[in-house]
Structures are given as structure tokens and as C-alpha cells.
Protein backbone atom coordinates (compact mmCIF):
# COMPACT_ATOMS: atom_id res chain seq x y z
CA MET A 1 -7.57 8.86 -30.08
CA ASN A 2 -4.57 8.50 -32.64
CA LYS A 3 -3.37 12.28 -30.82
CA THR A 4 -3.36 10.19 -27.37
CA LEU A 5 -1.35 7.00 -29.07
CA LEU A 6 0.85 9.20 -30.40
CA ILE A 7 1.29 10.64 -26.63
CA ILE A 8 1.78 7.16 -25.62
CA LYS A 9 4.31 6.31 -28.37
CA ARG A 10 6.70 9.29 -27.57
CA GLU A 11 6.27 8.79 -23.96
CA PHE A 12 7.44 5.31 -24.33
CA LEU A 13 10.45 5.60 -26.65
CA THR A 14 12.11 8.90 -25.17
CA ARG A 15 12.03 7.07 -21.83
CA VAL A 16 13.44 3.86 -22.92
CA LYS A 17 15.98 4.92 -25.11
CA LYS A 18 17.25 6.78 -22.31
CA LYS A 19 20.83 5.61 -20.77
CA SER A 20 19.51 5.51 -18.06
CA PHE A 21 16.56 3.42 -17.80
CA ILE A 22 19.20 0.44 -19.98
CA VAL A 23 21.60 1.08 -17.32
CA MET A 24 19.00 0.06 -14.24
CA THR A 25 17.20 -2.36 -17.05
CA ILE A 26 20.62 -4.11 -16.48
CA LEU A 27 22.03 -2.92 -13.15
CA GLY A 28 18.84 -3.91 -11.42
CA PRO A 29 18.93 -7.39 -11.90
CA LEU A 30 22.63 -7.99 -11.06
CA LEU A 31 22.38 -5.75 -7.83
CA ILE A 32 19.08 -8.28 -6.93
CA ALA A 33 20.79 -11.62 -8.37
CA GLY A 34 24.45 -10.32 -6.54
CA LEU A 35 22.64 -9.51 -3.19
CA MET A 36 21.25 -13.20 -3.10
CA ILE A 37 24.34 -14.74 -4.10
CA ALA A 38 26.19 -13.11 -1.56
CA VAL A 39 23.80 -13.49 1.18
CA ILE A 40 23.80 -17.24 0.67
CA TRP A 41 27.46 -17.40 -0.46
CA PHE A 42 28.73 -15.54 2.80
CA GLY A 43 26.29 -17.38 5.08
CA MET A 44 27.65 -20.74 4.32
CA LYS A 45 31.45 -20.30 3.32
CA GLU A 46 34.31 -20.21 6.54
CA SER A 47 37.34 -18.20 5.52
CA ASP A 48 39.36 -19.44 8.29
CA GLN A 49 40.20 -22.13 10.46
CA GLN A 50 38.57 -21.68 14.21
CA PHE A 51 40.98 -22.11 16.74
CA VAL A 52 38.79 -22.46 20.29
CA LEU A 53 40.36 -22.85 23.83
CA VAL A 54 37.80 -24.44 26.40
CA VAL A 55 37.50 -23.26 29.54
CA ASP A 56 35.49 -25.61 31.82
CA ASP A 57 34.11 -24.91 35.35
CA THR A 58 32.85 -28.16 35.74
CA ASN A 59 36.01 -30.30 35.00
CA PRO A 60 36.57 -32.28 32.85
CA VAL A 61 32.79 -33.03 31.70
CA PHE A 62 33.57 -31.05 28.53
CA SER A 63 36.77 -32.50 27.13
CA GLU A 64 34.84 -34.55 25.27
CA LEU A 65 34.05 -31.92 22.43
CA LYS A 66 35.60 -33.30 19.38
CA SER A 67 37.71 -31.15 16.67
CA SER A 68 36.98 -31.05 12.77
CA ALA A 69 38.15 -29.74 9.20
CA SER A 70 37.22 -26.09 10.22
CA ILE A 71 37.03 -26.24 14.01
CA LYS A 72 40.13 -27.21 16.60
CA PHE A 73 38.98 -27.84 20.65
CA GLU A 74 42.10 -27.23 23.11
CA TYR A 75 40.85 -28.13 26.47
CA SER A 76 42.58 -26.09 29.56
CA ASP A 77 42.21 -25.56 33.11
CA MET A 78 42.82 -22.56 33.34
CA SER A 79 40.18 -20.05 34.33
CA LEU A 80 38.10 -16.99 32.97
CA GLU A 81 40.14 -14.17 33.22
CA GLN A 82 43.50 -15.76 32.72
CA ALA A 83 42.10 -17.15 28.96
CA GLN A 84 40.72 -13.64 28.70
CA ASN A 85 44.32 -12.09 29.39
CA ILE A 86 46.42 -14.10 27.08
CA PHE A 87 44.19 -14.43 24.19
CA TYR A 88 44.80 -11.80 22.17
CA GLU A 89 48.54 -12.62 22.61
CA SER A 90 47.66 -16.18 21.22
CA ASP A 91 46.79 -18.32 18.01
CA TYR A 92 43.30 -19.05 19.73
CA THR A 93 40.43 -16.92 17.49
CA SER A 94 37.98 -18.03 20.00
CA ILE A 95 37.15 -18.99 23.79
CA LEU A 96 34.43 -21.70 24.93
CA TYR A 97 33.38 -20.95 28.47
CA ILE A 98 31.66 -23.33 30.15
CA PRO A 99 30.20 -21.88 33.76
CA GLU A 100 30.20 -24.18 36.54
CA ASN A 101 26.18 -23.67 36.83
CA ILE A 102 25.74 -24.90 33.02
CA LEU A 103 23.51 -27.74 33.36
CA SER A 104 20.71 -25.60 35.22
CA ALA A 105 21.36 -22.40 33.03
CA ASN A 106 21.52 -24.38 29.78
CA THR A 107 23.84 -21.70 28.42
CA ALA A 108 27.52 -21.19 27.64
CA LYS A 109 29.77 -18.28 26.33
CA LEU A 110 31.83 -17.79 23.33
CA TYR A 111 34.25 -14.81 22.76
CA PHE A 112 35.72 -13.67 19.47
CA LYS A 113 38.51 -11.64 17.76
CA LYS A 114 36.13 -12.28 14.55
CA GLN A 115 32.67 -13.62 14.72
CA PRO A 116 32.66 -17.01 13.15
CA GLY A 117 29.83 -17.61 10.79
CA VAL A 118 27.04 -19.62 11.23
CA ILE A 119 27.89 -23.26 10.54
CA THR A 120 30.87 -22.63 13.30
CA ILE A 121 28.94 -21.66 16.29
CA LYS A 122 25.91 -24.21 15.42
CA SER A 123 28.41 -26.82 15.29
CA VAL A 124 29.37 -25.58 18.80
CA GLU A 125 26.76 -25.18 20.15
CA ASN A 126 25.18 -28.73 18.93
CA GLN A 127 28.20 -30.35 20.74
CA VAL A 128 28.03 -28.99 24.00
CA GLU A 129 24.24 -29.35 23.82
CA ASN A 130 24.50 -33.35 23.06
CA ILE A 131 27.17 -33.27 26.26
CA ILE A 132 24.45 -31.61 28.32
CA GLU A 133 22.36 -34.18 27.53
CA GLU A 134 24.07 -36.97 28.15
CA GLN A 135 25.08 -35.38 31.99
CA LYS A 136 21.66 -34.53 32.40
CA LEU A 137 20.57 -38.34 31.99
CA LEU A 138 23.14 -39.77 34.17
CA LEU A 139 21.83 -36.81 36.93
CA TYR A 140 18.62 -38.79 36.82
CA ASN A 141 19.09 -42.39 35.84
CA VAL A 142 17.42 -42.26 32.83
CA ASP A 143 18.97 -44.31 30.15
CA ARG A 144 19.07 -42.96 26.31
CA GLU A 145 16.65 -45.30 24.86
CA THR A 146 14.21 -44.62 27.38
CA TYR A 147 14.82 -40.62 27.10
CA ASP A 148 14.53 -41.64 23.39
CA LYS A 149 11.23 -43.40 23.26
CA ILE A 150 9.36 -40.16 25.25
CA ASN A 151 11.49 -37.66 23.28
CA THR A 152 8.66 -35.73 21.49
CA ASP A 153 8.39 -32.89 18.68
CA PHE A 154 4.91 -32.43 18.70
CA ILE A 155 3.90 -30.76 15.62
CA LEU A 156 0.58 -28.90 15.29
CA ASP A 157 -1.13 -29.10 11.53
CA PRO A 158 -3.74 -26.69 10.77
CA PHE A 159 -6.50 -27.34 8.04
CA LYS A 160 -9.14 -25.40 6.88
CA LEU A 161 -12.42 -27.57 6.49
CA GLU A 162 -14.91 -26.45 4.16
CA LYS A 163 -18.56 -27.09 4.38
CA SER A 164 -18.03 -29.74 0.96
CA GLY A 165 -15.76 -31.86 3.19
CA LYS A 166 -12.75 -30.61 1.31
CA GLN A 167 -9.68 -30.43 3.63
CA GLU A 168 -6.91 -27.78 2.63
CA ALA A 169 -3.42 -27.80 5.16
CA VAL A 170 -2.95 -23.92 6.01
CA ASP A 171 0.25 -22.79 4.19
CA SER A 172 1.82 -19.00 5.62
CA SER A 173 4.28 -19.63 3.40
CA LYS A 174 2.46 -18.45 0.39
CA ALA A 175 1.15 -15.83 1.53
CA TRP A 176 4.86 -14.61 1.94
CA VAL A 177 5.54 -15.04 -1.87
CA GLY A 178 1.88 -12.79 -2.49
CA PHE A 179 3.84 -10.31 0.04
CA GLY A 180 6.98 -10.33 -1.96
CA PHE A 181 4.62 -9.38 -5.04
CA GLY A 182 2.94 -6.74 -3.19
CA LEU A 183 6.42 -5.10 -2.27
CA LEU A 184 6.91 -4.85 -5.77
CA ILE A 185 3.69 -3.48 -6.97
CA TYR A 186 4.65 -0.88 -4.15
CA MET A 187 8.01 -0.28 -5.15
CA PHE A 188 6.52 0.09 -8.91
CA ILE A 189 4.02 2.41 -7.92
CA PHE A 190 5.86 5.11 -6.51
CA LEU A 191 8.91 4.72 -8.82
CA TYR A 192 7.41 5.35 -11.64
CA GLY A 193 4.16 7.51 -10.59
CA VAL A 194 7.04 10.05 -9.52
CA GLN A 195 8.40 9.65 -12.86
CA VAL A 196 4.85 10.99 -14.14
CA MET A 197 5.02 13.97 -12.10
CA ARG A 198 8.55 14.96 -12.97
CA GLY A 199 7.70 14.49 -16.18
CA VAL A 200 4.48 16.53 -16.03
CA ILE A 201 7.14 19.07 -14.11
CA GLU A 202 9.90 19.14 -16.59
CA GLU A 203 7.74 20.18 -19.56
CA LYS A 204 5.27 22.70 -17.42
CA THR A 205 8.50 24.57 -15.92
CA SER A 206 10.41 24.84 -20.10
CA ARG A 207 7.06 26.36 -21.54
CA ILE A 208 6.84 23.28 -24.20
CA ILE A 209 3.43 22.05 -22.39
CA GLU A 210 2.17 25.65 -24.18
CA VAL A 211 2.93 23.83 -27.11
CA ILE A 212 1.76 20.01 -26.77
CA ILE A 213 -2.10 21.47 -25.44
CA SER A 214 -2.56 23.91 -28.89
CA SER A 215 -2.60 20.66 -30.30
CA VAL A 216 -4.29 18.20 -27.82
CA LYS A 217 -6.31 18.37 -24.88
CA PRO A 218 -4.96 18.35 -21.64
CA PHE A 219 -6.76 15.11 -20.22
CA GLN A 220 -5.47 13.63 -23.89
CA LEU A 221 -2.06 14.50 -22.67
CA MET A 222 -2.20 13.24 -19.16
CA LEU A 223 -3.93 9.92 -20.13
CA GLY A 224 -1.05 9.58 -22.95
CA LYS A 225 1.52 9.95 -20.04
CA ILE A 226 0.35 7.66 -17.74
CA ILE A 227 -0.22 5.04 -20.10
CA GLY A 228 2.82 5.48 -21.57
CA VAL A 229 5.11 5.33 -18.86
CA ALA A 230 3.00 2.45 -17.50
CA MET A 231 3.98 0.83 -20.81
CA VAL A 232 7.79 1.25 -19.60
CA GLY A 233 7.27 0.14 -16.15
CA LEU A 234 6.22 -3.11 -17.55
CA THR A 235 8.70 -3.43 -20.22
CA GLN A 236 11.43 -2.96 -17.13
CA PHE A 237 9.89 -4.85 -14.81
CA LEU A 238 9.78 -7.86 -17.25
CA LEU A 239 13.40 -7.87 -18.38
CA TRP A 240 14.09 -7.72 -14.45
CA VAL A 241 12.61 -11.12 -14.02
CA ILE A 242 14.05 -12.52 -17.08
CA LEU A 243 17.62 -11.27 -16.10
CA THR A 244 17.25 -11.82 -12.95
CA ILE A 245 16.84 -15.23 -12.97
CA THR A 246 18.96 -16.44 -15.61
CA ILE A 247 21.84 -14.68 -13.46
CA VAL A 248 20.72 -16.93 -10.61
CA THR A 249 20.55 -19.94 -12.50
CA ALA A 250 23.86 -19.56 -13.60
CA ALA A 251 25.47 -18.85 -10.38
CA GLN A 252 23.74 -21.97 -8.98
CA VAL A 253 25.32 -23.93 -11.94
CA PHE A 254 28.76 -22.52 -11.35
CA PHE A 255 29.08 -21.29 -7.56
CA PHE A 256 27.36 -23.52 -5.54
CA THR A 257 27.45 -27.01 -7.24
CA ASP A 258 30.23 -27.64 -4.47
CA MET A 259 28.40 -27.13 -1.58
CA MET A 260 27.44 -30.04 -0.89
CA ASP A 261 30.94 -31.84 -1.27
CA PRO A 262 32.87 -34.00 1.55
CA ALA A 263 35.06 -30.79 2.26
CA VAL A 264 31.95 -28.71 2.75
CA GLN A 265 30.14 -31.31 4.64
CA ALA A 266 32.85 -32.28 6.99
CA GLN A 267 32.14 -28.84 8.75
CA MET A 268 28.91 -29.45 9.56
CA THR A 269 27.36 -32.04 12.28
CA THR A 270 24.90 -34.89 11.31
CA GLU A 271 22.10 -32.62 12.11
CA MET A 272 22.79 -29.53 10.55
CA MET A 273 23.35 -31.85 7.14
CA GLU A 274 19.94 -33.40 7.40
CA GLN A 275 18.34 -29.76 7.79
CA MET A 276 20.32 -28.88 5.04
CA GLN A 277 19.41 -31.69 2.44
CA GLN A 278 15.90 -31.01 3.80
CA SER A 279 16.11 -27.43 2.67
CA LYS A 280 18.33 -28.45 -0.10
CA SER A 281 15.05 -30.19 -1.60
CA ALA A 282 12.31 -28.27 -0.45
CA GLN A 283 13.92 -25.13 -2.77
CA PHE A 284 15.79 -26.74 -5.49
CA ASN A 285 14.04 -29.99 -6.02
CA LEU A 286 11.36 -29.13 -8.56
CA ASN A 287 10.02 -32.68 -8.83
CA ASP A 288 8.63 -32.14 -5.12
CA PRO A 289 4.95 -31.60 -5.00
CA ASN A 290 5.46 -29.78 -1.59
CA ASN A 291 7.95 -27.25 -3.59
CA ILE A 292 7.12 -23.40 -2.78
CA VAL A 293 7.26 -23.18 -6.35
CA ASN A 294 4.80 -26.05 -7.56
CA ARG A 295 2.87 -24.85 -4.62
CA THR A 296 2.02 -21.82 -5.68
CA ASP A 297 -0.79 -20.81 -8.73
CA TRP A 298 1.70 -18.78 -10.55
CA GLY A 299 -0.62 -17.82 -13.33
CA VAL A 300 -3.50 -16.58 -11.18
CA MET A 301 -0.10 -14.35 -9.00
CA LEU A 302 1.44 -13.34 -11.90
CA GLY A 303 -2.59 -12.28 -13.62
CA LEU A 304 -3.46 -10.78 -10.77
CA PHE A 305 -0.17 -8.98 -10.08
CA LEU A 306 -0.22 -7.86 -13.67
CA PHE A 307 -3.76 -6.13 -13.15
CA TYR A 308 -3.50 -4.78 -9.65
CA PHE A 309 0.05 -3.47 -10.80
CA LEU A 310 -1.60 -1.33 -13.75
CA GLY A 311 -5.06 -0.56 -11.53
CA GLY A 312 -2.99 0.72 -8.85
CA TYR A 313 -0.20 2.47 -11.12
CA LEU A 314 -3.42 4.41 -13.12
CA LEU A 315 -4.88 5.09 -9.91
CA TYR A 316 -2.10 7.16 -8.36
CA SER A 317 0.02 8.62 -11.64
CA ALA A 318 -2.95 10.06 -11.86
CA MET A 319 -2.98 11.70 -8.93
CA PHE A 320 1.24 12.19 -8.68
CA ALA A 321 0.18 13.62 -12.52
CA ALA A 322 -1.91 15.99 -11.24
CA ILE A 323 0.46 17.26 -8.31
CA GLY A 324 3.39 18.01 -11.32
CA ALA A 325 0.44 20.34 -12.86
CA ALA A 326 -0.09 22.16 -9.73
CA VAL A 327 3.36 22.82 -8.65
CA ASP A 328 5.91 24.74 -10.26
CA ASN A 329 8.93 22.74 -9.00
CA GLU A 330 9.71 19.73 -6.89
CA THR A 331 10.32 21.38 -4.19
CA ASP A 332 6.65 22.61 -4.11
CA SER A 333 5.47 19.35 -4.38
CA GLN A 334 6.41 17.69 -0.84
CA GLN A 335 3.63 18.90 0.76
CA PHE A 336 1.04 17.12 -1.60
CA ILE A 337 3.10 13.83 -2.28
CA LEU A 338 2.86 12.96 1.60
CA PRO A 339 -0.96 12.57 1.33
CA VAL A 340 -1.16 10.74 -1.90
CA SER A 341 1.85 8.52 -0.88
CA LEU A 342 0.25 7.62 3.15
CA PRO A 343 -2.25 5.34 1.93
CA LEU A 344 0.23 2.85 -0.15
CA ILE A 345 2.60 3.12 2.97
CA ILE A 346 -0.06 1.98 5.27
CA ALA A 347 -0.92 -0.69 2.54
CA TYR A 348 2.94 -1.92 3.05
CA THR A 349 2.82 -1.78 6.45
CA VAL A 350 -0.69 -3.89 7.16
CA SER A 351 0.65 -6.59 4.63
CA THR A 352 3.74 -7.26 6.90
CA MET A 353 0.89 -8.14 9.63
CA ILE A 354 -1.35 -10.08 8.04
CA VAL A 355 0.96 -12.70 6.14
CA ASN A 356 0.25 -14.71 9.30
CA ASN A 357 -3.77 -14.03 9.14
CA PRO A 358 -4.62 -12.99 5.24
CA GLU A 359 -8.29 -13.76 6.57
CA GLY A 360 -9.07 -10.97 9.03
CA PRO A 361 -11.24 -8.28 9.27
CA ALA A 362 -8.11 -6.18 8.75
CA ALA A 363 -7.17 -8.12 5.51
CA PHE A 364 -10.59 -7.82 4.37
CA TRP A 365 -11.41 -4.25 4.72
CA PHE A 366 -7.33 -3.05 3.58
CA SER A 367 -8.03 -5.75 0.25
CA ILE A 368 -11.19 -4.11 -0.95
CA ILE A 369 -10.14 -0.65 -0.64
CA PRO A 370 -9.17 1.06 -3.83
CA LEU A 371 -5.90 2.95 -2.12
CA THR A 372 -5.01 -0.37 -0.69
CA SER A 373 -5.83 -3.37 -2.34
CA PRO A 374 -3.04 -3.52 -4.95
CA VAL A 375 -0.33 -4.33 -1.67
CA VAL A 376 -2.41 -6.10 0.35
CA MET A 377 -4.78 -8.58 -2.22
CA LEU A 378 -1.71 -10.17 -3.28
CA VAL A 379 -0.67 -11.11 0.32
CA ARG A 380 -4.21 -12.51 0.47
CA VAL A 381 -4.91 -14.06 -2.46
CA ALA A 382 -1.62 -16.25 -2.88
CA ILE A 383 -3.32 -18.55 -0.61
CA GLY A 384 -5.54 -19.74 -2.78
CA ILE A 385 -9.43 -18.09 -4.63
CA GLY A 386 -12.30 -20.13 -4.23
CA ASP A 387 -12.35 -23.35 -2.02
CA GLY A 388 -9.96 -22.76 1.01
CA GLY A 389 -8.87 -19.46 -0.37
CA VAL A 390 -10.01 -15.82 -0.84
CA PRO A 391 -14.10 -15.80 -2.02
CA TYR A 392 -14.79 -14.65 -5.03
CA TRP A 393 -16.83 -12.59 -4.78
CA GLU A 394 -14.14 -10.21 -2.38
CA VAL A 395 -11.52 -10.62 -5.24
CA GLY A 396 -14.21 -9.52 -8.09
CA LEU A 397 -15.59 -6.49 -5.72
CA SER A 398 -11.75 -5.56 -5.39
CA MET A 399 -10.84 -5.21 -9.22
CA GLY A 400 -14.52 -3.87 -9.82
CA LEU A 401 -13.67 -0.98 -7.01
CA LEU A 402 -9.92 -0.53 -8.48
CA VAL A 403 -11.20 0.48 -11.48
CA ILE A 404 -14.08 2.71 -10.47
CA GLY A 405 -11.48 4.42 -8.22
CA PHE A 406 -8.96 4.82 -11.19
CA LEU A 407 -11.54 5.99 -13.15
CA LEU A 408 -12.89 8.59 -10.32
CA THR A 409 -9.01 9.55 -9.91
CA THR A 410 -8.18 10.28 -13.26
CA TRP A 411 -11.57 12.49 -13.44
CA LEU A 412 -10.57 14.65 -10.62
CA ALA A 413 -6.94 14.94 -11.74
CA ALA A 414 -7.96 16.09 -15.24
CA LYS A 415 -9.70 18.91 -13.29
CA ILE A 416 -6.95 19.56 -11.51
CA TYR A 417 -4.31 18.60 -14.55
CA ARG A 418 -6.28 21.51 -16.65
CA THR A 419 -6.40 24.12 -14.45
CA GLY A 420 -2.53 23.94 -12.94
CA ILE A 421 -0.73 22.76 -16.12
CA LEU A 422 -0.87 26.60 -17.44
CA MET A 423 -0.51 28.55 -14.10
CA TYR A 424 3.47 29.89 -13.38
CA GLY A 425 4.26 32.00 -10.13
CA LYS A 426 1.71 31.09 -8.03
CA LYS A 427 2.05 29.15 -4.53
CA VAL A 428 -0.83 26.27 -4.58
CA ASN A 429 -2.36 24.89 -1.30
CA TYR A 430 -5.00 22.81 -0.60
CA LYS A 431 -7.94 25.30 -0.75
CA GLU A 432 -6.45 26.52 -4.19
CA LEU A 433 -7.19 22.60 -5.23
CA TRP A 434 -10.45 22.71 -4.27
CA LYS A 435 -11.73 25.52 -5.91
CA TRP A 436 -9.92 24.03 -9.41
CA LEU A 437 -11.85 20.46 -8.73
CA ARG A 438 -14.74 22.56 -8.37
CA TYR A 439 -14.57 24.71 -11.61
CA SER A 440 -16.69 23.53 -14.52
CA SER A 441 -15.88 22.35 -18.20
């Protein structure tokens, strides 16, 4: 046991002291947070004022379009062909074309030199839609008050009813939180499993392994390497979480405090402002009980994330270690990596489909099978465990089978590792691996 601990310590310290680990630990959160900030920033900012030429075949119905601080409309009686001919020689940034059949087709066209932002497009769209609505009310002789009374926004709220009488609203947004956790597991298993394989190949090709196994058993060496790399992965993940949250929080304080200023609000219609206020309160008001942050049981999610990350990593890294021991270089490993990686890829694909149906038969079976459960089960447990969620026995069965799967794959991988680690110059195939598995101790 002491020898195994020494190997774990060596694997951990040698990897965390590398410049690549330090760089990626800092660069990873910067890239993640930077991408999030950039998407929000560029999605909400308009770089230029829009100067829109309105070509209206229903003249003068749409002459009521109102300019704002960011959008200026100029109504014209020219044809679309004439407008297109002068477009690139003019100061106009867009052409809004209103066809004659717009009341039946409900479609107009916006031609532009450089694509405007979401706020501009929605503002134009909402103004045109309001005018169309008014024209249809006149056409069918319906007054606004009557229309407002009969206009209905229907909402169907699904609830799960338990035997006890307890009702719980179905919340698919929680499943997306679980999908995020599953995606992290998918990425980290690949990232650190391949590190184990490369470490084994490096020690084997440099012949260092011959010196090491004179003091420790092959199984101790393999287990120490797997656990050591797992500790590196957990350390890097925790640092990523802390740094990403810090960067995003700082960006929100320093860069996005002006998003609701009057100058920005002037670019939005009343409807868009209401939507943004609701979105802002739903996303950033931590006192709101409907906030996804408050509706997610983070204690359960983080606990199960750690379990399934470690279980999935240990299961797959044992197989990656066996691949590393069986080959002499990374090129030869490609024939073995795909079959090992395929269940994990299938798990990711399935998890994207079961987000909207986390209680279907596919969700059940893929969350039980050890090769796919680390990714799929995280999607399911996000909706809850016990009443209204995943039954306790399913979670327990999944966890138990994952532990058994890890022990079985480690035992099989150790048989391949023991034989292959000292074998050089031989091209190994599946038939040869089967022989190694059948060798007795």
C-alpha cells in the first residue's frame, strides 16, 4: 500500500508542477468565461446606427414606422429594384421591403449590407407586426378592445402526481443543468483517460518501466497512475470552477451594469424590455425561488457528479491504461481507442435526446449500464431523486453497477497491463489481447 501511495504522490506532483497544467488551469477559465461574456456582449450591443429604407408596395400603410435612437426609417415610393440599384451607393444600411400580399403572407424582407444585431431585427419585426395587426382589425371590422379580450396565450403546465397526492411541476430546465454536468464528465474522462494511456506508453518506450516494476507490482503501478491522474483532474476541475465563477462575477459587476441604462433601453421596444426584465430577474435575482439556481439541489448534484466522475474515470482509465501497455506508440493505439470510446460517445448522444424525456426506457437503461451511466444518470437525477424524481433504487443500482464495472474492468485491464508492459516490437491485435486475458496469474 505504501508503494501505491508513493506512485500516486509521484503522478500527482509531477503533473501539477508542469507548465502545461498551470497554463491550462489559468487559460481554461479565461476561455470559458471569455466566451460567455463575448456571447452576451456582442449579442446585446449594436455597433452602428441603422438607416433603413422602407419600400412599401402597400403604400402608404407602413409610413407609420417610428424611428428611434438606434434605427432611422426613411419611407420611399420607389420600387424594390430601384432601391437595390442605389443601395450600395447610398448611406442606407438596410432595405425593408413590404410586399403587397403582406396581410395574407405575413412575411416581409430585410436586405442589409452588414447583418444588424438581434435588438434591431426584433425592433423592426415588432413594429411591422403591430401595423399588420392593426390593418387586419380594420379589415375584419374588429375593435381593439374586443380583440384584446379574445386574444389568448394558452399555457399547458405539466405536473407529476404522486400516490401521496403530492404535485410537482415538470421542469426540463433542470435536466439541462444535469446535461451540463454530464458533458463535463464526458470531457474529463476523455482528457484524463488519454493522459493515463500516454503516461504508460511514455514509460514503456523509454524503458523506465523495467526499473519501476523491479520494486512494485504491475497492478500497483497501474492503480497508482490511475488514482494520481484522477486527483490531478479533480484539482484542475475545482480550480476551473472557482476561477470561472470569479471572472464571470467580476465581468457582470464591471461590464454589464450599464445594460439597463436609458441609452440602451432606447434601442428596445416595450415588449422586448419586459422580456429582458423578466429574463434578468429569472437569471440574476438569487432571491427569486423560481431561479434555476434555487430550484437545483446543488448538494445532491455535486455529490453525484463527484461519484460518477470518479467512477466513470476509473472505469475508462483502466481500459486506457491497458491500451497504453499493449502498444509501443500512440499511433498503434487508434485501433483500440474507438471501441473503448464508443460507449461514452453514445452516452453523450443519448443524453442530448433524453433531456426532454428523462423517465423513458432509453433513459433508464443507459443510466444503469456502467459504460454510459456516468453521463446519462446526471441528466436524470437533476430533476430530483425520490418522490417526483428518479427512484432511489434506480440510483442505487446504477451506482452499485458502476462500482462493479470499475472493479471488473480494472481486473481485466491488470491482466493485459501485466503482460503487455514488458512486450516490445510486436503488433498487438484483438486475438492477442484475448490470449493475455486468459493467462493465469
